[in-house]
Amino acid sequence: MIIHDLSRTLPGHAAGVPETPNDALRGAGTKSLDENFTEEVSDTTRRRRGDCSTLMLSSASPSEAQRRALSNPTNCTDWTGDDSMITILGNLSMTGRKGGNAAPSAPKERKVLALLLFNYARPVPIHLFIDELWADNPPKRARTALQTYVLNLRTRLACGLGIPSGRVRDEILVTRSEGYQFQLEGHPFDLHEFLRLVDLGEKSVADGDDARAIEALTKAEGLWTGPVLPDVEHGLPLQSEIARLEQRRTVAREIRIESELRLGRHRELVSELSMLALRHPYHERYHEYLMFCLNRLGHRVQALEVFRRLRYSLVDELGLEPSERIQNLQREILESRCASYAALP
């Protein structure tokens, strides 16, 4: 049995930049990140109606815009309470008790929020936002535009939580020397819960409690409602975060399946493994699991056919032979000497 060596948390990005955002802005003759500004930001100026984000940044300071936006609380989406949830394991949403979604609709603000949520409770450096929003072609006033997006997000958060915008700035979406940080302790967040359950599952396996591991990892998998953030445009930073999270999900699924194999749940796994092998034709571990289950159920011919299809895909399309591990399993099936899953090399 191979014990997976998996980091307990998603890796973070390097946080250092040559200068702080405030210093950089002052050096360019622009006000600091948290100072009021009245300049027109042409690519982000807009009027929103029907919610709490009526911002007219071309002619008003942030504090004035926020006061106007919060003057009509009946238009706010209440996303606090027991059944509210922030989600990124599927579509981006901040779902409220009455079914409303407080997530922004503007594409660039959605990018900013997604990057903040992926780095929950860690500062996100300014250069990472710029890379995500504009890649190699940022506008001259990229930092000022970013400041505007953050301001709009703070306004929506203040509206949704029913608290002053200054408190959001100081406690929830806060400015750090290197960038911005999102922190909302205790609020339901699917990524945070997923990572907690995966950690619990891994610890349970290490403690020899496969049943508890299966329970935790099954709950973790159930939090996913689809691909990560299909409704948000992905720059390179978000693509990197999503790829890491998808890999974490894959490894967690493997750990759960191996726990089920050790408990002898071969018949229950065949349907799921058949689907996974079909969807992932080059994934050797899924094919290995399926071969083992079929053989244990007395279906040796079908188990060997799974190996044949895998080998054909690898050799014909990638020019690679299957790994020694799965070739050993094939030989054991041929020789009718395949023991328990825990005994596999």
Protein backbone atom coordinates (compact mmCIF):
# COMPACT_ATOMS: atom_id res chain seq x y z
CA MET A 1 0.00 0.00 0.00
CA ILE A 2 1.38 3.35 -1.01
CA ILE A 3 0.77 6.16 1.46
CA HIS A 4 0.32 9.41 -0.41
CA ASP A 5 2.50 12.32 0.68
CA LEU A 6 0.16 15.22 0.27
CA SER A 7 0.50 18.77 1.55
CA ARG A 8 -2.15 19.65 4.10
CA THR A 9 -2.84 23.02 2.56
CA LEU A 10 -2.81 24.41 -0.92
CA PRO A 11 0.55 25.96 -1.71
CA GLY A 12 0.63 29.74 -1.63
CA HIS A 13 2.31 32.17 -3.94
CA ALA A 14 5.37 34.17 -3.18
CA ALA A 15 4.18 37.27 -1.41
CA GLY A 16 7.07 39.67 -1.88
CA VAL A 17 7.09 42.53 -4.36
CA PRO A 18 9.78 45.18 -4.84
CA GLU A 19 7.64 47.92 -3.32
CA THR A 20 4.44 48.20 -1.35
CA PRO A 21 1.27 49.16 -3.23
CA ASN A 22 0.97 52.42 -1.31
CA ASP A 23 4.57 53.42 -1.99
CA ALA A 24 4.23 52.53 -5.63
CA LEU A 25 1.06 54.56 -5.99
CA ARG A 26 2.53 57.57 -4.23
CA GLY A 27 5.64 57.36 -6.36
CA ALA A 28 3.46 57.52 -9.44
CA GLY A 29 1.59 60.54 -8.09
CA THR A 30 -1.45 58.46 -7.19
CA LYS A 31 -3.15 58.19 -3.83
CA SER A 32 -2.55 55.14 -1.66
CA LEU A 33 -4.76 52.06 -1.76
CA ASP A 34 -7.05 53.13 1.06
CA GLU A 35 -7.18 56.89 0.45
CA ASN A 36 -10.23 58.44 -1.18
CA PHE A 37 -9.87 59.26 -4.82
CA THR A 38 -12.01 61.21 -7.26
CA GLU A 39 -10.27 60.45 -10.52
CA GLU A 40 -12.27 58.92 -13.33
CA VAL A 41 -11.49 55.26 -13.99
CA SER A 42 -12.81 54.85 -17.48
CA ASP A 43 -12.79 51.06 -17.72
CA THR A 44 -14.55 50.47 -14.40
CA THR A 45 -17.02 53.37 -14.15
CA ARG A 46 -20.56 52.05 -14.29
CA ARG A 47 -24.03 52.38 -12.86
CA ARG A 48 -25.70 49.35 -11.30
CA ARG A 49 -29.37 49.24 -10.52
CA GLY A 50 -31.46 46.85 -8.47
CA ASP A 51 -28.81 45.92 -5.90
CA CYS A 52 -26.65 47.53 -3.27
CA SER A 53 -23.75 48.41 -5.57
CA THR A 54 -24.84 51.65 -7.21
CA LEU A 55 -21.39 53.12 -7.68
CA MET A 56 -20.60 56.30 -9.62
CA LEU A 57 -16.87 56.43 -9.16
CA SER A 58 -16.21 59.01 -11.83
CA SER A 59 -17.64 61.80 -9.72
CA ALA A 60 -17.68 60.64 -6.12
CA SER A 61 -15.22 59.51 -3.50
CA PRO A 62 -15.48 55.94 -2.20
CA SER A 63 -17.01 57.00 1.07
CA GLU A 64 -19.76 58.95 -0.68
CA ALA A 65 -20.49 56.11 -3.07
CA GLN A 66 -20.64 53.64 -0.23
CA ARG A 67 -23.00 55.83 1.77
CA ARG A 68 -25.36 56.05 -1.21
CA ALA A 69 -25.08 52.33 -1.92
CA LEU A 70 -25.94 51.40 1.66
CA SER A 71 -28.78 53.88 2.02
CA ASN A 72 -31.32 51.37 0.67
CA PRO A 73 -30.73 48.10 2.58
CA THR A 74 -33.87 46.47 1.17
CA ASN A 75 -31.98 45.92 -2.09
CA CYS A 76 -29.14 44.05 -0.37
CA THR A 77 -28.70 40.29 -0.63
CA ASP A 78 -28.60 38.84 2.86
CA TRP A 79 -25.97 36.10 2.65
CA THR A 80 -25.53 35.57 6.38
CA GLY A 81 -27.18 32.81 8.34
CA ASP A 82 -27.14 29.04 8.74
CA ASP A 83 -27.94 28.20 5.11
CA SER A 84 -25.71 30.80 3.45
CA MET A 85 -22.56 29.70 1.67
CA ILE A 86 -19.59 31.01 -0.28
CA THR A 87 -18.77 28.55 -3.05
CA ILE A 88 -16.05 28.04 -5.66
CA LEU A 89 -16.29 24.23 -6.08
CA GLY A 90 -18.61 24.88 -8.99
CA ASN A 91 -19.99 28.31 -9.87
CA LEU A 92 -18.83 31.33 -7.90
CA SER A 93 -21.54 32.39 -5.49
CA MET A 94 -22.32 34.05 -2.19
CA THR A 95 -25.73 32.59 -1.57
CA GLY A 96 -28.02 34.23 0.95
CA ARG A 97 -30.81 32.96 3.13
CA LYS A 98 -33.42 34.08 0.59
CA GLY A 99 -31.60 32.55 -2.38
CA GLY A 100 -29.93 35.74 -3.61
CA ASN A 101 -26.36 35.78 -4.88
CA ALA A 102 -24.16 38.61 -3.61
CA ALA A 103 -21.22 37.71 -5.87
CA PRO A 104 -20.33 40.49 -8.34
CA SER A 105 -21.34 40.21 -11.98
CA ALA A 106 -18.51 42.27 -13.51
CA PRO A 107 -15.91 39.85 -14.97
CA LYS A 108 -12.82 41.51 -13.50
CA GLU A 109 -14.35 41.82 -10.04
CA ARG A 110 -15.22 38.12 -10.19
CA LYS A 111 -11.59 37.38 -10.99
CA VAL A 112 -10.43 39.46 -8.03
CA LEU A 113 -12.87 37.75 -5.67
CA ALA A 114 -11.92 34.28 -6.94
CA LEU A 115 -8.23 34.95 -6.40
CA LEU A 116 -8.91 36.23 -2.89
CA LEU A 117 -11.00 33.17 -2.04
CA PHE A 118 -8.39 30.73 -3.30
CA ASN A 119 -5.89 32.42 -1.01
CA TYR A 120 -8.34 32.61 1.88
CA ALA A 121 -6.66 34.11 4.99
CA ARG A 122 -3.42 34.77 3.05
CA PRO A 123 -2.36 38.08 1.49
CA VAL A 124 -2.54 38.18 -2.30
CA PRO A 125 0.23 40.39 -3.72
CA ILE A 126 -0.62 43.19 -6.13
CA HIS A 127 1.44 41.69 -8.96
CA LEU A 128 -0.66 38.51 -8.83
CA PHE A 129 -3.89 40.47 -9.32
CA ILE A 130 -2.32 42.33 -12.24
CA ASP A 131 -1.14 39.07 -13.82
CA GLU A 132 -4.63 37.61 -13.47
CA LEU A 133 -6.50 40.65 -14.75
CA TRP A 134 -4.28 41.81 -17.61
CA ALA A 135 -1.47 39.24 -18.04
CA ASP A 136 1.41 40.91 -19.91
CA ASN A 137 -0.55 43.97 -21.02
CA PRO A 138 -1.72 45.92 -17.93
CA PRO A 139 -3.05 49.47 -18.37
CA LYS A 140 -1.00 52.38 -17.10
CA ARG A 141 -3.27 52.80 -14.10
CA ALA A 142 -3.72 49.12 -13.32
CA ARG A 143 -3.27 49.59 -9.58
CA THR A 144 -5.91 52.30 -9.44
CA ALA A 145 -8.31 50.08 -11.38
CA LEU A 146 -7.61 47.24 -8.96
CA GLN A 147 -8.34 49.61 -6.07
CA THR A 148 -11.71 50.28 -7.66
CA TYR A 149 -12.56 46.61 -7.97
CA VAL A 150 -11.67 46.05 -4.31
CA LEU A 151 -13.78 49.04 -3.29
CA ASN A 152 -16.78 47.62 -5.15
CA LEU A 153 -16.31 44.24 -3.48
CA ARG A 154 -16.14 45.89 -0.07
CA THR A 155 -19.38 47.70 -0.78
CA ARG A 156 -21.14 44.47 -1.69
CA LEU A 157 -19.78 42.75 1.41
CA ALA A 158 -20.89 45.61 3.66
CA CYS A 159 -24.35 45.43 2.13
CA GLY A 160 -24.62 41.66 2.43
CA LEU A 161 -23.39 41.57 6.02
CA GLY A 162 -25.25 44.66 7.12
CA ILE A 163 -22.16 46.27 8.62
CA PRO A 164 -20.30 49.55 7.95
CA SER A 165 -17.98 49.52 4.96
CA GLY A 166 -15.14 50.65 7.23
CA ARG A 167 -15.45 47.44 9.20
CA VAL A 168 -15.29 45.41 6.00
CA ARG A 169 -12.11 47.29 5.08
CA ASP A 170 -10.55 46.75 8.50
CA GLU A 171 -11.67 43.19 9.27
CA ILE A 172 -12.78 41.26 6.17
CA LEU A 173 -11.27 42.46 2.89
CA VAL A 174 -8.21 44.08 4.35
CA THR A 175 -5.24 45.90 2.87
CA ARG A 176 -1.82 44.44 3.55
CA SER A 177 1.57 45.94 2.74
CA GLU A 178 1.91 43.57 -0.21
CA GLY A 179 -1.71 43.51 -1.41
CA TYR A 180 -5.13 42.39 -0.14
CA GLN A 181 -6.43 39.61 2.07
CA PHE A 182 -9.90 38.10 2.46
CA GLN A 183 -10.81 36.81 5.92
CA LEU A 184 -14.28 35.98 7.15
CA GLU A 185 -13.85 33.60 10.06
CA GLY A 186 -16.69 31.21 10.73
CA HIS A 187 -18.62 31.88 7.51
CA PRO A 188 -19.47 28.71 5.53
CA PHE A 189 -17.03 28.33 2.62
CA ASP A 190 -16.96 25.15 0.54
CA LEU A 191 -13.20 25.21 -0.18
CA HIS A 192 -12.36 25.59 3.50
CA GLU A 193 -14.71 22.71 4.39
CA PHE A 194 -13.32 20.52 1.59
CA LEU A 195 -9.76 20.95 2.83
CA ARG A 196 -10.81 20.29 6.43
CA LEU A 197 -12.54 17.04 5.48
CA VAL A 198 -9.60 15.90 3.33
CA ASP A 199 -7.23 16.54 6.23
CA LEU A 200 -9.54 14.50 8.48
CA GLY A 201 -9.67 11.68 5.94
CA GLU A 202 -5.89 11.54 5.58
CA LYS A 203 -5.42 11.52 9.35
CA SER A 204 -7.97 8.73 9.70
CA VAL A 205 -6.07 6.61 7.17
CA ALA A 206 -2.83 7.23 9.05
CA ASP A 207 -4.62 6.11 12.24
CA GLY A 208 -5.86 2.93 10.55
CA ASP A 209 -9.53 3.99 10.58
CA ASP A 210 -10.65 3.39 7.00
CA ALA A 211 -14.36 3.70 7.79
CA ARG A 212 -13.92 7.17 9.24
CA ALA A 213 -11.70 8.16 6.29
CA ILE A 214 -14.36 7.03 3.82
CA GLU A 215 -17.02 9.05 5.62
CA ALA A 216 -14.93 12.25 5.64
CA LEU A 217 -13.67 11.95 2.06
CA THR A 218 -17.14 11.10 0.71
CA LYS A 219 -18.48 14.27 2.32
CA ALA A 220 -15.57 16.24 0.85
CA GLU A 221 -16.34 14.95 -2.65
CA GLY A 222 -20.01 15.80 -2.19
CA LEU A 223 -19.19 19.50 -1.85
CA TRP A 224 -18.26 19.67 -5.54
CA THR A 225 -21.12 20.71 -7.82
CA GLY A 226 -19.12 20.76 -11.06
CA PRO A 227 -15.83 22.06 -12.47
CA VAL A 228 -14.15 24.81 -10.45
CA LEU A 229 -15.39 28.28 -11.43
CA PRO A 230 -16.65 27.64 -14.99
CA ASP A 231 -18.40 31.01 -14.78
CA VAL A 232 -15.18 32.99 -14.12
CA GLU A 233 -12.59 33.81 -16.76
CA HIS A 234 -9.23 32.25 -15.86
CA GLY A 235 -5.90 33.96 -16.17
CA LEU A 236 -2.69 32.07 -15.46
CA PRO A 237 -2.80 32.56 -11.65
CA LEU A 238 -6.34 31.18 -11.41
CA GLN A 239 -5.50 28.34 -13.80
CA SER A 240 -2.62 27.37 -11.51
CA GLU A 241 -4.83 27.46 -8.40
CA ILE A 242 -7.53 25.38 -10.10
CA ALA A 243 -5.02 22.79 -11.32
CA ARG A 244 -3.64 22.36 -7.79
CA LEU A 245 -7.11 22.00 -6.33
CA GLU A 246 -8.14 19.44 -8.97
CA GLN A 247 -5.04 17.41 -8.13
CA ARG A 248 -5.90 17.58 -4.44
CA ARG A 249 -9.36 16.27 -5.29
CA THR A 250 -7.91 13.41 -7.37
CA VAL A 251 -5.56 12.29 -4.60
CA ALA A 252 -8.34 12.50 -2.00
CA ARG A 253 -10.52 10.31 -4.22
CA GLU A 254 -7.70 7.77 -4.57
CA ILE A 255 -7.24 7.63 -0.81
CA ARG A 256 -10.97 7.05 -0.31
CA ILE A 257 -11.10 4.29 -2.95
CA GLU A 258 -8.10 2.53 -1.43
CA SER A 259 -9.82 2.64 1.96
CA GLU A 260 -12.90 1.04 0.42
CA LEU A 261 -10.77 -1.64 -1.24
CA ARG A 262 -9.16 -2.52 2.07
CA LEU A 263 -12.64 -2.96 3.53
CA GLY A 264 -13.59 -5.32 0.69
CA ARG A 265 -16.16 -3.08 -1.00
CA HIS A 266 -15.30 -4.37 -4.48
CA ARG A 267 -18.82 -4.75 -5.85
CA GLU A 268 -19.84 -1.27 -4.70
CA LEU A 269 -16.87 0.31 -6.48
CA VAL A 270 -17.13 -1.28 -9.93
CA SER A 271 -19.64 1.18 -11.37
CA GLU A 272 -17.75 4.27 -10.16
CA LEU A 273 -14.38 2.91 -11.27
CA SER A 274 -15.70 1.96 -14.71
CA MET A 275 -16.85 5.55 -15.20
CA LEU A 276 -13.56 6.99 -13.92
CA ALA A 277 -11.50 4.73 -16.19
CA LEU A 278 -13.61 5.77 -19.16
CA ARG A 279 -13.28 9.47 -18.37
CA HIS A 280 -9.55 9.23 -17.64
CA PRO A 281 -8.11 6.79 -20.21
CA TYR A 282 -4.47 7.45 -19.15
CA HIS A 283 -5.01 7.34 -15.39
CA GLU A 284 -3.30 4.09 -14.35
CA ARG A 285 -4.49 4.09 -10.75
CA TYR A 286 -8.19 4.09 -11.70
CA HIS A 287 -7.55 1.19 -14.09
CA GLU A 288 -5.60 -0.66 -11.41
CA TYR A 289 -8.46 -0.30 -8.92
CA LEU A 290 -10.97 -1.52 -11.50
CA MET A 291 -8.80 -4.53 -12.47
CA PHE A 292 -8.46 -5.50 -8.83
CA CYS A 293 -12.21 -5.25 -8.14
CA LEU A 294 -13.19 -7.23 -11.23
CA ASN A 295 -10.67 -9.95 -10.43
CA ARG A 296 -11.85 -10.22 -6.82
CA LEU A 297 -15.40 -10.62 -8.11
CA GLY A 298 -14.30 -13.49 -10.38
CA HIS A 299 -14.24 -11.50 -13.64
CA ARG A 300 -10.66 -12.20 -14.68
CA VAL A 301 -11.29 -11.76 -18.41
CA GLN A 302 -12.86 -8.35 -17.88
CA ALA A 303 -10.01 -7.34 -15.57
CA LEU A 304 -7.44 -8.25 -18.22
CA GLU A 305 -9.45 -6.38 -20.85
CA VAL A 306 -9.18 -3.24 -18.71
CA PHE A 307 -5.40 -3.63 -18.80
CA ARG A 308 -5.41 -4.20 -22.55
CA ARG A 309 -7.38 -0.99 -23.18
CA LEU A 310 -5.08 1.00 -20.89
CA ARG A 311 -1.95 -0.32 -22.56
CA TYR A 312 -3.36 0.42 -26.01
CA SER A 313 -4.12 4.03 -25.01
CA LEU A 314 -0.70 4.58 -23.48
CA VAL A 315 1.37 2.91 -26.20
CA ASP A 316 -0.63 3.96 -29.26
CA GLU A 317 -1.28 7.56 -28.24
CA LEU A 318 1.59 8.45 -25.90
CA GLY A 319 4.29 5.94 -26.75
CA LEU A 320 4.51 4.77 -23.13
CA GLU A 321 4.30 1.35 -21.54
CA PRO A 322 2.14 0.92 -18.42
CA SER A 323 3.97 1.22 -15.10
CA GLU A 324 5.66 -1.76 -13.51
CA ARG A 325 3.10 -1.69 -10.69
CA ILE A 326 0.09 -2.30 -12.94
CA GLN A 327 2.01 -4.81 -15.07
CA ASN A 328 2.70 -6.75 -11.87
CA LEU A 329 -1.02 -6.72 -11.12
CA GLN A 330 -1.74 -8.07 -14.61
CA ARG A 331 0.72 -10.95 -14.05
CA GLU A 332 -0.83 -11.75 -10.68
CA ILE A 333 -4.28 -11.92 -12.27
CA LEU A 334 -2.97 -14.17 -15.04
CA GLU A 335 -1.40 -16.45 -12.43
CA SER A 336 -4.47 -16.37 -10.16
CA ARG A 337 -2.44 -15.22 -7.18
CA CYS A 338 -3.80 -11.71 -6.53
CA ALA A 339 -4.21 -11.30 -2.76
CA SER A 340 -5.78 -8.44 -0.81
CA TYR A 341 -5.32 -4.87 -1.96
CA ALA A 342 -3.14 -4.03 1.04
CA ALA A 343 -0.68 -6.71 -0.12
CA LEU A 344 -0.12 -5.18 -3.56
CA PRO A 345 3.37 -3.74 -4.14
